[in-house]
Each structure stands twice: as C-alpha cells, then as structure tokens.
Protein backbone atom coordinates (compact mmCIF):
# COMPACT_ATOMS: atom_id res chain seq x y z
CA MET A 1 -15.87 -0.43 -43.31
CA GLU A 2 -18.23 1.75 -41.29
CA GLN A 3 -17.21 5.36 -40.62
CA GLN A 4 -17.52 6.50 -37.02
CA GLN A 5 -19.57 9.67 -36.58
CA ILE A 6 -17.39 12.52 -35.27
CA SER A 7 -19.18 15.38 -33.58
CA PRO A 8 -18.39 18.85 -34.89
CA ILE A 9 -15.60 20.83 -33.22
CA PHE A 10 -17.71 23.92 -32.78
CA SER A 11 -20.95 22.37 -31.58
CA LYS A 12 -22.97 24.42 -29.09
CA GLY A 13 -22.38 21.87 -26.32
CA ARG A 14 -18.61 21.84 -26.84
CA ILE A 15 -18.39 25.62 -26.92
CA ILE A 16 -20.36 25.92 -23.67
CA PHE A 17 -18.32 23.15 -22.03
CA ALA A 18 -15.02 24.69 -23.18
CA THR A 19 -16.01 28.18 -22.01
CA LEU A 20 -17.07 26.96 -18.57
CA LEU A 21 -14.01 24.70 -18.24
CA VAL A 22 -11.62 27.51 -19.16
CA SER A 23 -13.38 29.71 -16.60
CA LEU A 24 -13.08 27.03 -13.90
CA THR A 25 -9.41 26.48 -14.74
CA LEU A 26 -8.58 30.19 -14.63
CA ILE A 27 -10.47 30.69 -11.37
CA GLY A 28 -8.59 27.75 -9.84
CA GLU A 29 -5.26 29.10 -11.04
CA ILE A 30 -6.02 32.62 -9.74
CA VAL A 31 -7.22 31.44 -6.32
CA LEU A 32 -4.19 29.21 -5.80
CA HIS A 33 -1.76 31.79 -7.19
CA LEU A 34 -3.09 34.65 -5.04
CA ASN A 35 -2.70 32.42 -1.97
CA HIS A 36 0.82 31.35 -2.98
CA LEU A 37 -0.21 27.70 -3.17
CA ALA A 38 0.97 24.95 -5.49
CA THR A 39 -1.46 24.26 -8.31
CA TRP A 40 -0.38 20.76 -9.25
CA PRO A 41 -2.09 18.84 -6.42
CA ALA A 42 -5.51 20.23 -7.39
CA PHE A 43 -5.12 20.13 -11.15
CA ALA A 44 -3.66 16.60 -11.11
CA CYS A 45 -7.05 15.41 -9.82
CA MET A 46 -8.89 17.23 -12.59
CA ILE A 47 -6.56 15.78 -15.23
CA ILE A 48 -7.00 12.27 -13.83
CA PHE A 49 -10.78 12.79 -13.91
CA PHE A 50 -10.51 13.58 -17.62
CA TYR A 51 -8.35 10.48 -18.07
CA TYR A 52 -11.26 8.47 -16.63
CA HIS A 53 -13.58 10.09 -19.22
CA MET A 54 -15.29 12.18 -16.50
CA ASP A 55 -16.78 9.06 -14.91
CA ALA A 56 -18.23 10.25 -11.59
CA LYS A 57 -17.89 6.73 -10.13
CA GLN A 58 -14.11 7.23 -10.23
CA ILE A 59 -14.13 10.37 -8.05
CA PRO A 60 -13.46 8.51 -4.75
CA HIS A 61 -10.61 6.58 -6.41
CA ILE A 62 -9.14 9.83 -7.68
CA ILE A 63 -9.45 11.90 -4.51
CA ILE A 64 -8.56 9.23 -1.94
CA GLY A 65 -5.90 7.55 -4.08
CA SER A 66 -4.26 10.88 -4.89
CA PHE A 67 -4.21 11.89 -1.21
CA PHE A 68 -2.71 8.52 -0.30
CA GLY A 69 -0.07 8.99 -3.00
CA ILE A 70 1.05 12.38 -1.69
CA LEU A 71 1.07 10.92 1.83
CA GLN A 72 3.73 8.47 0.67
CA TYR A 73 6.29 11.25 0.33
CA PRO A 74 6.67 11.98 4.06
CA ILE A 75 6.45 8.26 4.80
CA ILE A 76 9.28 7.38 2.41
CA MET A 77 11.39 10.13 3.97
CA ILE A 78 10.91 8.54 7.41
CA VAL A 79 11.75 5.09 6.03
CA ILE A 80 14.85 6.40 4.25
CA LYS A 81 16.01 8.16 7.42
CA ALA A 82 15.54 4.95 9.41
CA LEU A 83 17.15 2.56 6.90
CA ALA A 84 19.88 4.73 5.35
CA PRO A 85 22.45 4.21 8.13
CA THR A 86 22.33 0.44 7.59
CA ILE A 87 21.60 -0.07 3.88
CA GLY A 88 22.15 3.36 2.32
CA VAL A 89 19.82 6.04 0.96
CA PHE A 90 19.21 4.64 -2.52
CA PRO A 91 18.58 1.02 -1.40
CA ALA A 92 16.17 2.33 1.27
CA GLN A 93 14.35 4.36 -1.38
CA LEU A 94 14.16 1.36 -3.72
CA ALA A 95 12.89 -0.90 -0.92
CA TYR A 96 10.06 1.50 -0.11
CA ILE A 97 9.08 2.01 -3.73
CA GLY A 98 9.08 -1.76 -4.23
CA VAL A 99 6.86 -2.34 -1.21
CA PHE A 100 4.50 0.47 -2.27
CA VAL A 101 4.15 -0.73 -5.88
CA GLY A 102 3.72 -4.31 -4.66
CA ALA A 103 1.00 -3.18 -2.26
CA ILE A 104 -0.84 -1.45 -5.11
CA VAL A 105 -0.73 -4.60 -7.22
CA LEU A 106 -1.84 -6.85 -4.35
CA LEU A 107 -4.49 -4.57 -2.85
CA LYS A 108 -5.96 -2.71 -5.84
CA ASP A 109 -8.88 -5.13 -6.12
CA HIS A 110 -9.53 -5.15 -2.37
CA ILE A 111 -9.04 -1.48 -1.44
CA PRO A 112 -9.30 0.24 -4.84
CA TRP A 113 -10.07 3.71 -3.48
CA VAL A 114 -6.65 3.78 -1.79
CA PHE A 115 -4.34 1.45 -3.69
CA ASN A 116 -4.53 2.50 -7.32
CA THR A 117 -2.55 4.08 -10.12
CA ASN A 118 -3.64 7.54 -8.95
CA ALA A 119 -1.78 6.93 -5.69
CA PHE A 120 1.35 5.92 -7.57
CA MET A 121 1.13 8.89 -9.93
CA LEU A 122 0.71 11.46 -7.14
CA PHE A 123 3.51 9.83 -5.12
CA PHE A 124 5.78 10.24 -8.13
CA ILE A 125 4.69 13.84 -8.75
CA ALA A 126 5.16 14.71 -5.06
CA ALA A 127 8.68 13.26 -5.12
CA VAL A 128 9.53 15.39 -8.17
CA ALA A 129 7.87 18.51 -6.70
CA ALA A 130 9.86 18.06 -3.48
CA LYS A 131 13.07 18.67 -5.42
CA VAL A 132 12.09 22.12 -6.70
CA PRO A 133 11.67 25.37 -4.75
CA PRO A 134 10.13 25.95 -2.30
CA GLY A 135 10.85 22.32 -1.40
CA PRO A 136 8.73 19.61 0.19
CA GLN A 137 5.38 20.74 1.58
CA PRO A 138 3.42 17.46 1.75
CA VAL A 139 0.84 18.57 4.34
CA GLN A 140 0.02 21.66 2.28
CA TRP A 141 -0.04 19.56 -0.90
CA MET A 142 -2.49 17.10 0.69
CA ALA A 143 -4.76 19.96 1.77
CA ILE A 144 -4.64 21.54 -1.70
CA GLN A 145 -5.34 18.16 -3.27
CA LEU A 146 -8.29 17.40 -1.00
CA VAL A 147 -9.94 20.81 -1.15
CA GLY A 148 -8.82 22.11 -4.54
CA GLY A 149 -8.82 18.76 -6.33
CA THR A 150 -12.27 17.92 -5.06
CA ALA A 151 -13.55 21.39 -5.99
CA LEU A 152 -12.15 21.18 -9.52
CA VAL A 153 -13.46 17.66 -10.13
CA LEU A 154 -16.90 18.55 -8.79
CA GLY A 155 -16.74 21.74 -10.86
CA VAL A 156 -16.29 19.63 -13.99
CA VAL A 157 -19.24 17.45 -12.94
CA GLY A 158 -21.26 20.65 -12.51
CA ILE A 159 -20.22 21.84 -15.95
CA GLN A 160 -21.36 18.52 -17.42
CA LYS A 161 -24.76 18.97 -15.77
CA ILE A 162 -25.09 22.57 -16.94
CA VAL A 163 -24.28 21.61 -20.53
CA ALA A 164 -26.66 18.63 -20.39
CA SER A 165 -29.41 20.87 -19.01
CA ILE A 166 -28.90 23.51 -21.68
CA MET A 167 -28.71 20.98 -24.48
CA GLY A 168 -31.70 19.05 -23.10
CA ALA A 169 -33.76 22.23 -22.83
CA GLN A 170 -32.79 23.11 -26.39
CA ARG A 171 -33.88 19.66 -27.66
CA SER A 172 -37.21 19.77 -25.81
CA ALA A 173 -37.95 23.26 -27.20
CA HIS A 174 -37.89 21.89 -30.75
C-alpha cells in the first residue's frame, strides 16, 4: 500500500497562510464588533469557501446562495403570517420549508448560484439567529453577508495569491 505524502505542519507556506488568515479573521471580527454588527453572516461565507477547498469557481454559489438563504427568513415570516390563521403556525412553517427544500432539489442544476446547499444552510442559520438577542435583522444580515462575506472570501483568495507568489519567488531563487 502506497503512503500518501503529508506536507509538514510548519512549512513556510502554511505559516504565512496561517498568519495572514488569522490577521484577516481578527480584522473582520474587530470591524464588525466595533460597528455592533453580527459576525456570522460574513464568516459563514468564509467557512463555506473553506468547505469548497477554496475553489474560486464556487464564490458566486457561496455569495448569491447565502444571500438567497438569508432572504428566506423574512419570506417565511410573511408566509407564516398569511397561512397561520387557516392552517396554524407550525404547518405553515413546514409547508414553506418543504417548498424551499423541494425548489433547491429541482432547481440546483438549472440555477445553481441561487438554489444550493449554501442557501439552505444560511436560511437555517438565519432562523436560529432570529431567536437570540437582538432578534431578527435580516436586511442587516444580508448586507453583512454581501459586503463582509465577499470581503472575507476575496481576502482568502488574496492570501492564496500572496503565499503562491512568495513560494514561487522562493523556488525561482534557487
């Protein structure tokens, strides 16, 4: 059986990447904290980007799908308000979730930037976040996700390029 080559933990590239990523993360946290803004909408995008192995082709799916997912929170509230008097709150909630999940399954191959697992994940996170203080703020969350999430994801792409440039320059110097 062939052993897979594992790169060293403390390689120069990893140390540079880790240092720059920690810096980006702390700057993001500080900026959002000082402005009294939720951090989760921005950092969820960065985490999803890592889940996709930092594949830049997935950025539109992450940003647009995540925005669409947060947008589902105010929409479900409207649907629940409209349907609750006739079928009840919980059945109205279940109906909407069923339609949304079904739409993702049916449309993911046709409109993948919008209907994807990122949308479902951010819808779920927004629904959970709405239950904790300060309460639902979907418009603010969408703005944080679009601006902050995009900035963090593009920051990671920039870090990748910086590390590649440094490591490439080091290789060509030898």
